Protein backbone atom coordinates (compact mmCIF):
# COMPACT_ATOMS: atom_id res chain seq x y z
CA UNK A 1 58.49 -137.82 -120.71
CA UNK A 2 57.31 -140.95 -122.66
CA UNK A 3 58.59 -141.88 -126.11
CA UNK A 4 55.16 -141.10 -127.54
CA UNK A 5 55.17 -137.54 -126.05
CA UNK A 6 58.80 -137.00 -127.16
CA UNK A 7 57.75 -138.11 -130.72
CA UNK A 8 54.77 -135.76 -130.65
CA UNK A 9 56.93 -132.80 -129.46
CA UNK A 10 59.53 -133.49 -132.01
CA UNK A 11 56.95 -133.87 -134.73
CA UNK A 12 55.33 -130.57 -133.73
CA UNK A 13 58.73 -128.76 -133.76
CA UNK A 14 59.50 -130.07 -137.28
CA UNK A 15 56.09 -129.26 -138.61
CA UNK A 16 56.31 -125.70 -137.24
CA UNK A 17 59.70 -125.08 -138.77
CA UNK A 18 58.62 -126.54 -142.18
CA UNK A 19 55.52 -124.39 -142.30
CA UNK A 20 57.28 -121.23 -141.01
CA UNK A 21 60.40 -121.42 -143.09
CA UNK A 22 59.36 -123.34 -146.22
CA UNK A 23 55.56 -123.22 -146.80
CA UNK A 24 54.74 -119.68 -145.67
CA UNK A 25 57.43 -117.83 -147.62
CA UNK A 26 56.49 -119.83 -150.79
CA UNK A 27 52.75 -119.12 -150.28
CA UNK A 28 53.44 -115.46 -149.81
CA UNK A 29 55.72 -115.42 -152.95
CA UNK A 30 52.70 -116.57 -154.96
CA UNK A 31 50.30 -113.89 -153.87
CA UNK A 32 49.34 -111.41 -156.54
CA UNK A 33 50.60 -108.29 -154.75
CA UNK A 34 53.86 -109.88 -154.25
CA UNK A 35 54.17 -111.29 -157.72
CA UNK A 36 53.28 -107.94 -159.18
CA UNK A 37 55.81 -106.01 -156.92
CA UNK A 38 59.23 -104.92 -157.85
CA UNK A 39 61.90 -107.60 -157.49
CA UNK A 40 63.70 -105.69 -154.67
CA UNK A 41 60.41 -105.85 -152.71
CA UNK A 42 60.27 -109.63 -153.19
CA UNK A 43 63.90 -109.93 -152.42
CA UNK A 44 63.39 -108.06 -149.10
CA UNK A 45 60.03 -109.46 -148.07
CA UNK A 46 60.58 -113.21 -148.46
CA UNK A 47 63.88 -113.49 -146.51
CA UNK A 48 62.19 -111.20 -143.83
CA UNK A 49 59.25 -113.63 -143.46
CA UNK A 50 61.61 -116.55 -143.35
CA UNK A 51 63.77 -114.85 -140.64
CA UNK A 52 60.72 -113.91 -138.44
CA UNK A 53 59.45 -117.58 -138.70
CA UNK A 54 62.89 -118.89 -137.79
CA UNK A 55 63.47 -116.47 -135.10
CA UNK A 56 59.97 -117.01 -133.48
CA UNK A 57 60.56 -120.80 -133.48
CA UNK A 58 63.95 -120.43 -131.84
CA UNK A 59 62.65 -118.02 -129.24
CA UNK A 60 59.68 -120.29 -128.55
CA UNK A 61 62.04 -123.27 -128.11
CA UNK A 62 64.19 -121.28 -125.69
CA UNK A 63 61.14 -120.23 -123.63
CA UNK A 64 59.88 -123.77 -123.62
CA UNK A 65 63.25 -125.07 -122.46
CA UNK A 66 63.37 -122.38 -119.62
CA UNK A 67 59.95 -123.35 -118.42
CA UNK A 68 60.69 -127.03 -118.59
CA UNK A 69 57.90 -128.04 -120.99
CA UNK A 70 60.07 -130.55 -122.71
CA UNK A 71 61.75 -132.00 -119.65
CA UNK A 72 62.12 -135.84 -119.32
CA UNK A 73 60.71 -135.81 -115.73
């Protein structure tokens, strides 16, 4: 793997985790149905969205590691 490819892969991983764990929960929290929902719904929904984004990213990284997509060869 070249340094350019390594940089691109690293940037892709960082962008995914920022979008999935920072931007998306914040975006959902600003939607009208969520704003108008009870506080316990908001308290359950937003961490759930964050957790799904985090878990999907970690599982995706594990699958990519097993398949050797990010190998240095």
